[in-house]
PDB file of N, CA and C in Angstrom:
ATOM      1  N   MET A   1      94.020  97.711  96.484  1.00  0.00           N
ATOM      2  CA  MET A   1      94.752  98.095  95.545  1.00  0.00           C
ATOM      3  C   MET A   1      93.245  97.678  94.497  1.00  0.00           C
ATOM      4  N   ILE A   2      93.781  99.066  93.545  1.00  0.00           N
ATOM      5  CA  ILE A   2      92.571  99.556  92.418  1.00  0.00           C
ATOM      6  C   ILE A   2      92.474  98.971  91.410  1.00  0.00           C
ATOM      7  N   GLN A   3      91.554  98.364  90.253  1.00  0.00           N
ATOM      8  CA  GLN A   3      92.100  97.380  89.441  1.00  0.00           C
ATOM      9  C   GLN A   3      90.294  97.934  88.332  1.00  0.00           C
ATOM     10  N   GLY A   4      90.641  98.889  87.646  1.00  0.00           N
ATOM     11  CA  GLY A   4      89.981  99.149  86.946  1.00  0.00           C
ATOM     12  C   GLY A   4      88.647 100.290  87.343  1.00  0.00           C
ATOM     13  N   ASP A   5      87.281  99.502  87.690  1.00  0.00           N
ATOM     14  CA  ASP A   5      86.507 100.743  88.381  1.00  0.00           C
ATOM     15  C   ASP A   5      85.995 100.192  89.696  1.00  0.00           C
ATOM     16  N   ARG A   6      86.844  99.391  90.530  1.00  0.00           N
ATOM     17  CA  ARG A   6      86.912  98.746  91.403  1.00  0.00           C
ATOM     18  C   ARG A   6      87.523  98.489  92.402  1.00  0.00           C
ATOM     19  N   MET A   7      87.980  98.621  93.969  1.00  0.00           N
ATOM     20  CA  MET A   7      89.428  98.708  94.704  1.00  0.00           C
ATOM     21  C   MET A   7      89.004  97.987  95.597  1.00  0.00           C
ATOM     22  N   TYR A   8      89.637  96.917  95.814  1.00  0.00           N
ATOM     23  CA  TYR A   8      89.949  95.405  96.487  1.00  0.00           C
ATOM     24  C   TYR A   8      90.436  96.031  97.833  1.00  0.00           C
ATOM     25  N   VAL A   9      89.696  95.913  98.486  1.00  0.00           N
ATOM     26  CA  VAL A   9      90.348  96.561 100.336  1.00  0.00           C
ATOM     27  C   VAL A   9      90.638  94.906 101.003  1.00  0.00           C
ATOM     28  N   SER A  10      91.611  94.606 101.342  1.00  0.00           N
ATOM     29  CA  SER A  10      91.253  93.099 103.113  1.00  0.00           C
ATOM     30  C   SER A  10      91.363  94.090 104.275  1.00  0.00           C
ATOM     31  N   ALA A  11      90.639  93.839 105.109  1.00  0.00           N
ATOM     32  CA  ALA A  11      89.887  94.609 105.684  1.00  0.00           C
ATOM     33  C   ALA A  11      89.789  93.937 107.169  1.00  0.00           C
ATOM     34  N   TYR A  12      91.580  92.745 107.970  1.00  0.00           N
ATOM     35  CA  TYR A  12      91.453  92.200 108.114  1.00  0.00           C
ATOM     36  C   TYR A  12      90.455  90.951 108.682  1.00  0.00           C
ATOM     37  N   GLU A  13      89.347  91.331 109.804  1.00  0.00           N
ATOM     38  CA  GLU A  13      88.163  90.524 110.182  1.00  0.00           C
ATOM     39  C   GLU A  13      87.176  91.251 109.617  1.00  0.00           C
ATOM     40  N   GLY A  14      87.023  92.075 108.776  1.00  0.00           N
ATOM     41  CA  GLY A  14      86.217  92.087 108.077  1.00  0.00           C
ATOM     42  C   GLY A  14      86.093  91.783 106.508  1.00  0.00           C
ATOM     43  N   GLY A  15      86.774  90.682 106.657  1.00  0.00           N
ATOM     44  CA  GLY A  15      87.197  89.869 105.151  1.00  0.00           C
ATOM     45  C   GLY A  15      87.679  90.542 104.039  1.00  0.00           C
ATOM     46  N   LEU A  16      87.607  90.606 102.886  1.00  0.00           N
ATOM     47  CA  LEU A  16      87.742  91.723 101.375  1.00  0.00           C
ATOM     48  C   LEU A  16      86.547  91.965 100.915  1.00  0.00           C
ATOM     49  N   ARG A  17      86.968  93.536 101.160  1.00  0.00           N
ATOM     50  CA  ARG A  17      85.877  94.087 100.865  1.00  0.00           C
ATOM     51  C   ARG A  17      85.903  95.027  98.671  1.00  0.00           C
ATOM     52  N   VAL A  18      84.713  94.560  98.184  1.00  0.00           N
ATOM     53  CA  VAL A  18      84.833  95.419  97.327  1.00  0.00           C
ATOM     54  C   VAL A  18      83.823  96.480  96.576  1.00  0.00           C
ATOM     55  N   ILE A  19      84.608  97.106  96.636  1.00  0.00           N
ATOM     56  CA  ILE A  19      83.899  98.967  96.585  1.00  0.00           C
ATOM     57  C   ILE A  19      84.504  99.350  94.547  1.00  0.00           C
ATOM     58  N   ASP A  20      83.171  99.947  94.026  1.00  0.00           N
ATOM     59  CA  ASP A  20      82.962 100.832  92.856  1.00  0.00           C
ATOM     60  C   ASP A  20      83.433 101.805  93.281  1.00  0.00           C
ATOM     61  N   VAL A  21      84.218 102.223  92.639  1.00  0.00           N
ATOM     62  CA  VAL A  21      84.998 103.626  92.939  1.00  0.00           C
ATOM     63  C   VAL A  21      84.846 104.086  91.259  1.00  0.00           C
ATOM     64  N   GLU A  22      83.975 104.220  90.429  1.00  0.00           N
ATOM     65  CA  GLU A  22      83.385 104.774  89.290  1.00  0.00           C
ATOM     66  C   GLU A  22      83.486 106.131  89.174  1.00  0.00           C
ATOM     67  N   ASN A  23      82.468 106.610  90.351  1.00  0.00           N
ATOM     68  CA  ASN A  23      82.407 108.011  90.751  1.00  0.00           C
ATOM     69  C   ASN A  23      83.341 107.970  92.304  1.00  0.00           C
ATOM     70  N   PRO A  24      84.172 108.587  92.150  1.00  0.00           N
ATOM     71  CA  PRO A  24      85.096 108.979  93.729  1.00  0.00           C
ATOM     72  C   PRO A  24      83.783 109.701  94.976  1.00  0.00           C
ATOM     73  N   ARG A  25      82.897 110.504  94.088  1.00  0.00           N
ATOM     74  CA  ARG A  25      82.199 111.112  95.285  1.00  0.00           C
ATOM     75  C   ARG A  25      81.228 110.064  95.866  1.00  0.00           C
ATOM     76  N   LYS A  26      80.341 109.054  95.258  1.00  0.00           N
ATOM     77  CA  LYS A  26      79.564 108.014  95.510  1.00  0.00           C
ATOM     78  C   LYS A  26      80.102 106.597  95.402  1.00  0.00           C
ATOM     79  N   LEU A  27      80.733 106.471  96.280  1.00  0.00           N
ATOM     80  CA  LEU A  27      81.688 105.217  96.489  1.00  0.00           C
ATOM     81  C   LEU A  27      80.565 104.379  96.960  1.00  0.00           C
ATOM     82  N   LYS A  28      80.480 102.752  96.167  1.00  0.00           N
ATOM     83  CA  LYS A  28      79.095 101.888  96.786  1.00  0.00           C
ATOM     84  C   LYS A  28      80.056 100.583  96.925  1.00  0.00           C
ATOM     85  N   ALA A  29      79.677  99.811  97.729  1.00  0.00           N
ATOM     86  CA  ALA A  29      79.811  98.481  98.494  1.00  0.00           C
ATOM     87  C   ALA A  29      79.593  97.343  97.540  1.00  0.00           C
ATOM     88  N   ARG A  30      80.432  96.899  96.300  1.00  0.00           N
ATOM     89  CA  ARG A  30      79.545  95.970  95.748  1.00  0.00           C
ATOM     90  C   ARG A  30      80.160  94.657  95.906  1.00  0.00           C
ATOM     91  N   GLY A  31      80.979  94.343  97.292  1.00  0.00           N
ATOM     92  CA  GLY A  31      80.700  92.744  97.065  1.00  0.00           C
ATOM     93  C   GLY A  31      81.647  92.446  98.895  1.00  0.00           C
ATOM     94  N   TYR A  32      82.026  91.329  99.405  1.00  0.00           N
ATOM     95  CA  TYR A  32      82.313  90.959 100.104  1.00  0.00           C
ATOM     96  C   TYR A  32      82.906  89.676 100.265  1.00  0.00           C
ATOM     97  N   PHE A  33      84.023  88.942 100.778  1.00  0.00           N
ATOM     98  CA  PHE A  33      84.208  87.320 100.990  1.00  0.00           C
ATOM     99  C   PHE A  33      85.070  87.889 102.851  1.00  0.00           C
ATOM    100  N   ASP A  34      84.198  86.874 103.553  1.00  0.00           N
ATOM    101  CA  ASP A  34      84.475  86.997 104.844  1.00  0.00           C
ATOM    102  C   ASP A  34      85.134  85.835 105.148  1.00  0.00           C
ATOM    103  N   THR A  35      86.389  85.946 105.497  1.00  0.00           N
ATOM    104  CA  THR A  35      88.394  84.810 105.704  1.00  0.00           C
ATOM    105  C   THR A  35      87.945  84.554 107.471  1.00  0.00           C
ATOM    106  N   TYR A  36      87.538  85.194 107.875  1.00  0.00           N
ATOM    107  CA  TYR A  36      87.503  85.025 109.610  1.00  0.00           C
ATOM    108  C   TYR A  36      86.018  85.561 110.459  1.00  0.00           C
ATOM    109  N   PRO A  37      84.882  84.437 109.321  1.00  0.00           N
ATOM    110  CA  PRO A  37      83.775  85.015 110.513  1.00  0.00           C
ATOM    111  C   PRO A  37      83.431  84.391 112.128  1.00  0.00           C
ATOM    112  N   GLU A  38      84.529  84.142 112.596  1.00  0.00           N
ATOM    113  CA  GLU A  38      84.144  83.971 113.964  1.00  0.00           C
ATOM    114  C   GLU A  38      84.378  85.432 114.667  1.00  0.00           C
ATOM    115  N   GLY A  39      84.487  86.573 114.172  1.00  0.00           N
ATOM    116  CA  GLY A  39      84.931  88.372 114.727  1.00  0.00           C
ATOM    117  C   GLY A  39      85.024  88.978 113.192  1.00  0.00           C
ATOM    118  N   GLU A  40      84.336  90.748 114.015  1.00  0.00           N
ATOM    119  CA  GLU A  40      84.782  91.662 113.754  1.00  0.00           C
ATOM    120  C   GLU A  40      85.240  92.609 114.396  1.00  0.00           C
ATOM    121  N   ASN A  41      86.362  91.882 114.830  1.00  0.00           N
ATOM    122  CA  ASN A  41      86.861  93.234 115.550  1.00  0.00           C
ATOM    123  C   ASN A  41      87.899  94.037 115.173  1.00  0.00           C
ATOM    124  N   ALA A  42      88.450  94.883 115.543  1.00  0.00           N
ATOM    125  CA  ALA A  42      89.821  95.920 115.291  1.00  0.00           C
ATOM    126  C   ALA A  42      91.284  94.680 115.586  1.00  0.00           C
ATOM    127  N   THR A  43      91.382  93.463 115.264  1.00  0.00           N
ATOM    128  CA  THR A  43      92.099  93.220 115.817  1.00  0.00           C
ATOM    129  C   THR A  43      93.144  92.342 114.358  1.00  0.00           C
ATOM    130  N   PHE A  44      94.365  91.834 114.403  1.00  0.00           N
ATOM    131  CA  PHE A  44      95.096  91.468 113.378  1.00  0.00           C
ATOM    132  C   PHE A  44      94.901  89.863 113.050  1.00  0.00           C
ATOM    133  N   ASN A  45      93.508  89.131 112.776  1.00  0.00           N
ATOM    134  CA  ASN A  45      93.000  87.957 111.788  1.00  0.00           C
ATOM    135  C   ASN A  45      92.519  88.642 111.410  1.00  0.00           C
ATOM    136  N   GLY A  46      91.965  87.636 110.297  1.00  0.00           N
ATOM    137  CA  GLY A  46      91.470  87.610 109.087  1.00  0.00           C
ATOM    138  C   GLY A  46      92.706  87.757 108.035  1.00  0.00           C
ATOM    139  N   ALA A  47      91.359  88.353 107.032  1.00  0.00           N
ATOM    140  CA  ALA A  47      92.589  89.076 105.829  1.00  0.00           C
ATOM    141  C   ALA A  47      92.981  90.062 105.789  1.00  0.00           C
ATOM    142  N   TRP A  48      94.414  90.138 104.883  1.00  0.00           N
ATOM    143  CA  TRP A  48      95.935  90.630 105.074  1.00  0.00           C
ATOM    144  C   TRP A  48      95.739  91.433 103.817  1.00  0.00           C
ATOM    145  N   GLY A  49      95.607  90.509 103.296  1.00  0.00           N
ATOM    146  CA  GLY A  49      96.309  91.233 101.827  1.00  0.00           C
ATOM    147  C   GLY A  49      95.627  90.232 100.141  1.00  0.00           C
ATOM    148  N   VAL A  50      94.982  91.160  99.246  1.00  0.00           N
ATOM    149  CA  VAL A  50      94.404  90.378  98.031  1.00  0.00           C
ATOM    150  C   VAL A  50      95.544  91.412  97.214  1.00  0.00           C
ATOM    151  N   TYR A  51      95.122  90.600  96.042  1.00  0.00           N
ATOM    152  CA  TYR A  51      95.698  90.188  94.960  1.00  0.00           C
ATOM    153  C   TYR A  51      94.346  90.429  93.808  1.00  0.00           C
ATOM    154  N   ALA A  52      95.027  91.177  92.872  1.00  0.00           N
ATOM    155  CA  ALA A  52      93.515  90.995  91.547  1.00  0.00           C
ATOM    156  C   ALA A  52      94.356  91.317  90.636  1.00  0.00           C
ATOM    157  N   GLY A  53      93.384  91.566  89.427  1.00  0.00           N
ATOM    158  CA  GLY A  53      93.926  91.458  87.494  1.00  0.00           C
ATOM    159  C   GLY A  53      94.652  90.208  87.646  1.00  0.00           C
ATOM    160  N   PHE A  54      93.997  89.061  87.772  1.00  0.00           N
ATOM    161  CA  PHE A  54      94.572  87.814  87.029  1.00  0.00           C
ATOM    162  C   PHE A  54      93.741  88.065  85.640  1.00  0.00           C
ATOM    163  N   PRO A  55      94.359  87.333  84.595  1.00  0.00           N
ATOM    164  CA  PRO A  55      93.656  86.787  83.672  1.00  0.00           C
ATOM    165  C   PRO A  55      92.289  86.316  83.752  1.00  0.00           C
ATOM    166  N   SER A  56      92.216  85.423  84.755  1.00  0.00           N
ATOM    167  CA  SER A  56      91.240  84.233  85.207  1.00  0.00           C
ATOM    168  C   SER A  56      90.139  84.924  85.600  1.00  0.00           C
ATOM    169  N   GLY A  57      90.192  86.545  86.232  1.00  0.00           N
ATOM    170  CA  GLY A  57      89.554  87.397  86.796  1.00  0.00           C
ATOM    171  C   GLY A  57      89.324  86.984  88.244  1.00  0.00           C
ATOM    172  N   ASN A  58      90.208  85.975  88.729  1.00  0.00           N
ATOM    173  CA  ASN A  58      90.180  85.390  90.178  1.00  0.00           C
ATOM    174  C   ASN A  58      90.786  86.466  90.628  1.00  0.00           C
ATOM    175  N   LEU A  59      90.600  86.347  92.293  1.00  0.00           N
ATOM    176  CA  LEU A  59      90.930  86.977  92.787  1.00  0.00           C
ATOM    177  C   LEU A  59      92.016  86.407  94.560  1.00  0.00           C
ATOM    178  N   ILE A  60      92.860  86.569  94.843  1.00  0.00           N
ATOM    179  CA  ILE A  60      94.064  86.234  95.742  1.00  0.00           C
ATOM    180  C   ILE A  60      93.574  86.614  97.154  1.00  0.00           C
ATOM    181  N   VAL A  61      93.118  86.358  98.180  1.00  0.00           N
ATOM    182  CA  VAL A  61      93.027  86.717  99.508  1.00  0.00           C
ATOM    183  C   VAL A  61      93.980  86.262 100.305  1.00  0.00           C
ATOM    184  N   SER A  62      94.948  86.782 101.085  1.00  0.00           N
ATOM    185  CA  SER A  62      95.360  86.154 101.804  1.00  0.00           C
ATOM    186  C   SER A  62      95.378  86.452 102.962  1.00  0.00           C
ATOM    187  N   ASP A  63      94.907  85.299 104.329  1.00  0.00           N
ATOM    188  CA  ASP A  63      94.485  85.282 105.590  1.00  0.00           C
ATOM    189  C   ASP A  63      95.370  84.479 106.788  1.00  0.00           C
ATOM    190  N   VAL A  64      95.655  85.604 107.926  1.00  0.00           N
ATOM    191  CA  VAL A  64      96.540  85.852 108.711  1.00  0.00           C
ATOM    192  C   VAL A  64      96.395  83.672 109.051  1.00  0.00           C
ATOM    193  N   GLN A  65      95.470  83.563 109.238  1.00  0.00           N
ATOM    194  CA  GLN A  65      95.220  82.122 109.822  1.00  0.00           C
ATOM    195  C   GLN A  65      95.203  81.343 109.091  1.00  0.00           C
ATOM    196  N   ARG A  66      94.289  81.609 107.708  1.00  0.00           N
ATOM    197  CA  ARG A  66      94.050  80.181 106.931  1.00  0.00           C
ATOM    198  C   ARG A  66      94.630  80.352 106.042  1.00  0.00           C
ATOM    199  N   GLY A  67      95.445  80.603 105.895  1.00  0.00           N
ATOM    200  CA  GLY A  67      96.513  80.803 104.279  1.00  0.00           C
ATOM    201  C   GLY A  67      95.742  81.831 103.060  1.00  0.00           C
ATOM    202  N   LEU A  68      96.189  80.943 101.945  1.00  0.00           N
ATOM    203  CA  LEU A  68      95.125  81.575 101.155  1.00  0.00           C
ATOM    204  C   LEU A  68      93.730  80.841 100.290  1.00  0.00           C
ATOM    205  N   PHE A  69      92.634  82.316 100.235  1.00  0.00           N
ATOM    206  CA  PHE A  69      91.842  81.525  99.195  1.00  0.00           C
ATOM    207  C   PHE A  69      92.315  81.886  98.063  1.00  0.00           C
ATOM    208  N   VAL A  70      91.462  81.355  96.547  1.00  0.00           N
ATOM    209  CA  VAL A  70      91.570  81.929  95.335  1.00  0.00           C
ATOM    210  C   VAL A  70      89.667  82.050  95.694  1.00  0.00           C
ATOM    211  N   ILE A  71      89.540  83.244  94.657  1.00  0.00           N
ATOM    212  CA  ILE A  71      88.120  83.230  94.186  1.00  0.00           C
ATOM    213  C   ILE A  71      87.464  84.205  93.197  1.00  0.00           C
ATOM    214  N   ARG A  72      86.603  84.302  93.064  1.00  0.00           N
ATOM    215  CA  ARG A  72      85.855  84.885  91.741  1.00  0.00           C
ATOM    216  C   ARG A  72      84.865  85.569  92.257  1.00  0.00           C
ATOM    217  N   ALA A  73      85.275  86.697  91.735  1.00  0.00           N
ATOM    218  CA  ALA A  73      83.917  87.366  91.779  1.00  0.00           C
ATOM    219  C   ALA A  73      82.535  87.742  90.974  1.00  0.00           C
ATOM    220  N   ASN A  74      81.806  87.683  91.307  1.00  0.00           N
ATOM    221  CA  ASN A  74      80.467  87.544  89.879  1.00  0.00           C
ATOM    222  C   ASN A  74      79.945  88.750  89.023  1.00  0.00           C
TER     223      ASN A  74
END
């Protein structure tokens, strides 16, 4: 999902990834939140959806095993 100059990616065991896309030729990692710290494998565990754009600035991350996380980017 892209919101403004940020792209929010749910990357399963890689967690939530926040990428600065202001300059598409020079993408920059801006942050992450790991919902599945037990591993970094290419399997169907961890974050599988992210929802941004709430007036509160909160992000909702859905996790296969653990349900929903409500977080806010700094």
